[in-house]
Protein backbone atom coordinates (compact mmCIF):
# COMPACT_ATOMS: atom_id res chain seq x y z
CA VAL A 1 9.78 -3.57 9.66
CA LEU A 2 10.17 -7.20 10.67
CA ALA A 3 8.88 -6.58 14.18
CA HIS A 4 5.90 -4.35 13.40
CA ALA A 5 4.82 -4.12 9.76
CA ASP A 6 3.90 -7.68 8.68
CA ALA A 7 5.31 -6.64 5.28
CA LYS A 8 5.81 -8.87 2.28
CA GLN A 9 8.17 -6.45 0.56
CA VAL A 10 10.65 -3.84 1.80
CA ILE A 11 12.60 -1.49 -0.45
CA VAL A 12 15.72 0.18 0.94
CA ARG A 13 17.49 2.89 -1.04
CA LEU A 14 20.62 4.84 -0.15
CA ARG A 15 21.73 7.81 -2.25
CA LEU A 16 24.58 10.28 -1.87
CA ARG A 17 24.11 13.54 -3.73
CA LEU A 18 25.52 17.01 -3.18
CA ARG A 19 26.94 16.12 0.24
CA VAL A 20 23.60 14.81 1.52
CA ALA A 21 22.95 11.13 2.21
CA THR A 22 19.33 10.05 1.74
CA LEU A 23 18.08 6.73 3.08
CA SER A 24 14.55 5.57 2.35
CA VAL A 25 12.82 2.48 3.68
CA ALA A 26 9.41 1.63 2.23
CA ASP A 27 7.26 -1.36 3.09
CA ASP A 28 3.90 -2.77 2.02
CA GLY A 29 2.96 -3.73 5.56
CA CYS A 30 0.02 -2.93 7.77
CA GLY A 31 0.87 0.77 8.16
CA PHE A 32 -0.41 2.93 11.01
CA VAL A 33 -1.71 6.40 11.76
CA PRO A 34 1.42 8.47 12.40
CA PRO A 35 1.18 11.02 15.18
CA SER A 36 1.77 14.68 14.42
CA ASP A 37 4.43 14.64 17.15
CA LEU A 38 6.66 11.59 17.66
CA ASN A 39 6.87 12.40 21.39
CA THR A 40 3.34 11.02 21.76
CA LEU A 41 4.69 7.58 20.82
CA ALA A 42 7.13 7.75 23.75
CA LEU A 43 4.25 8.49 26.10
CA ARG A 44 2.83 5.10 25.08
CA GLY A 45 6.16 3.32 25.56
CA HIS A 46 7.23 3.28 21.88
CA PHE A 47 10.68 4.82 21.55
CA GLY A 48 12.04 3.53 18.21
CA LEU A 49 10.95 6.27 15.80
CA LEU A 50 11.50 9.03 18.34
CA GLY A 51 15.01 7.74 19.10
CA MET A 52 15.84 7.58 15.40
CA ALA A 53 14.55 11.12 14.83
CA GLU A 54 16.57 12.44 17.79
CA ARG A 55 19.82 10.82 16.61
CA ILE A 56 19.26 12.05 13.05
CA ALA A 57 18.58 15.60 14.30
CA GLN A 58 21.80 15.51 16.36
CA SER A 59 23.71 14.87 13.14
CA GLY A 60 22.01 17.82 11.42
CA GLY A 61 19.51 15.78 9.47
CA HIS A 62 15.81 15.11 9.52
CA LEU A 63 13.37 12.21 9.31
CA ARG A 64 10.14 12.22 7.30
CA LEU A 65 7.49 9.60 8.01
CA CYS A 66 4.55 8.73 5.76
CA ALA A 67 2.20 5.96 6.82
CA ARG A 68 -1.41 4.94 6.46
CA PRO A 69 -3.24 1.91 7.80
CA GLY A 70 -3.37 -0.81 5.17
CA TRP A 71 -0.93 0.99 2.85
CA GLY A 72 2.45 0.52 4.50
CA THR A 73 5.06 2.98 5.71
CA VAL A 74 7.80 5.07 4.14
CA ILE A 75 10.61 6.60 6.18
CA VAL A 76 13.03 9.00 4.50
CA VAL A 77 16.14 10.20 6.32
CA ARG A 78 18.40 12.97 5.04
CA VAL A 79 21.70 13.78 6.74
CA PRO A 80 24.56 16.04 5.67
CA VAL A 81 27.84 14.36 4.82
CA PRO A 82 30.81 16.19 6.35
CA GLU A 83 33.79 17.16 4.22
CA GLU A 84 36.82 14.93 4.49
């Protein structure tokens, strides 16, 4: 967010419910047009979101991205929490 969004406000929420951890990061920054496939970002030399999505998937979770130019960005990550 600091490097790309030019945001004035960022809201970070972390919730644990029913053995699933949910992290959301929302900003009021510049936003962008998200690609339908994050691999296209890597083709342009941008690896951050793709790397996050790959690591989250390896842990059995998923990443959801909502963004629009001029309206900011919201990233929601859900990952299972293993039993102790």
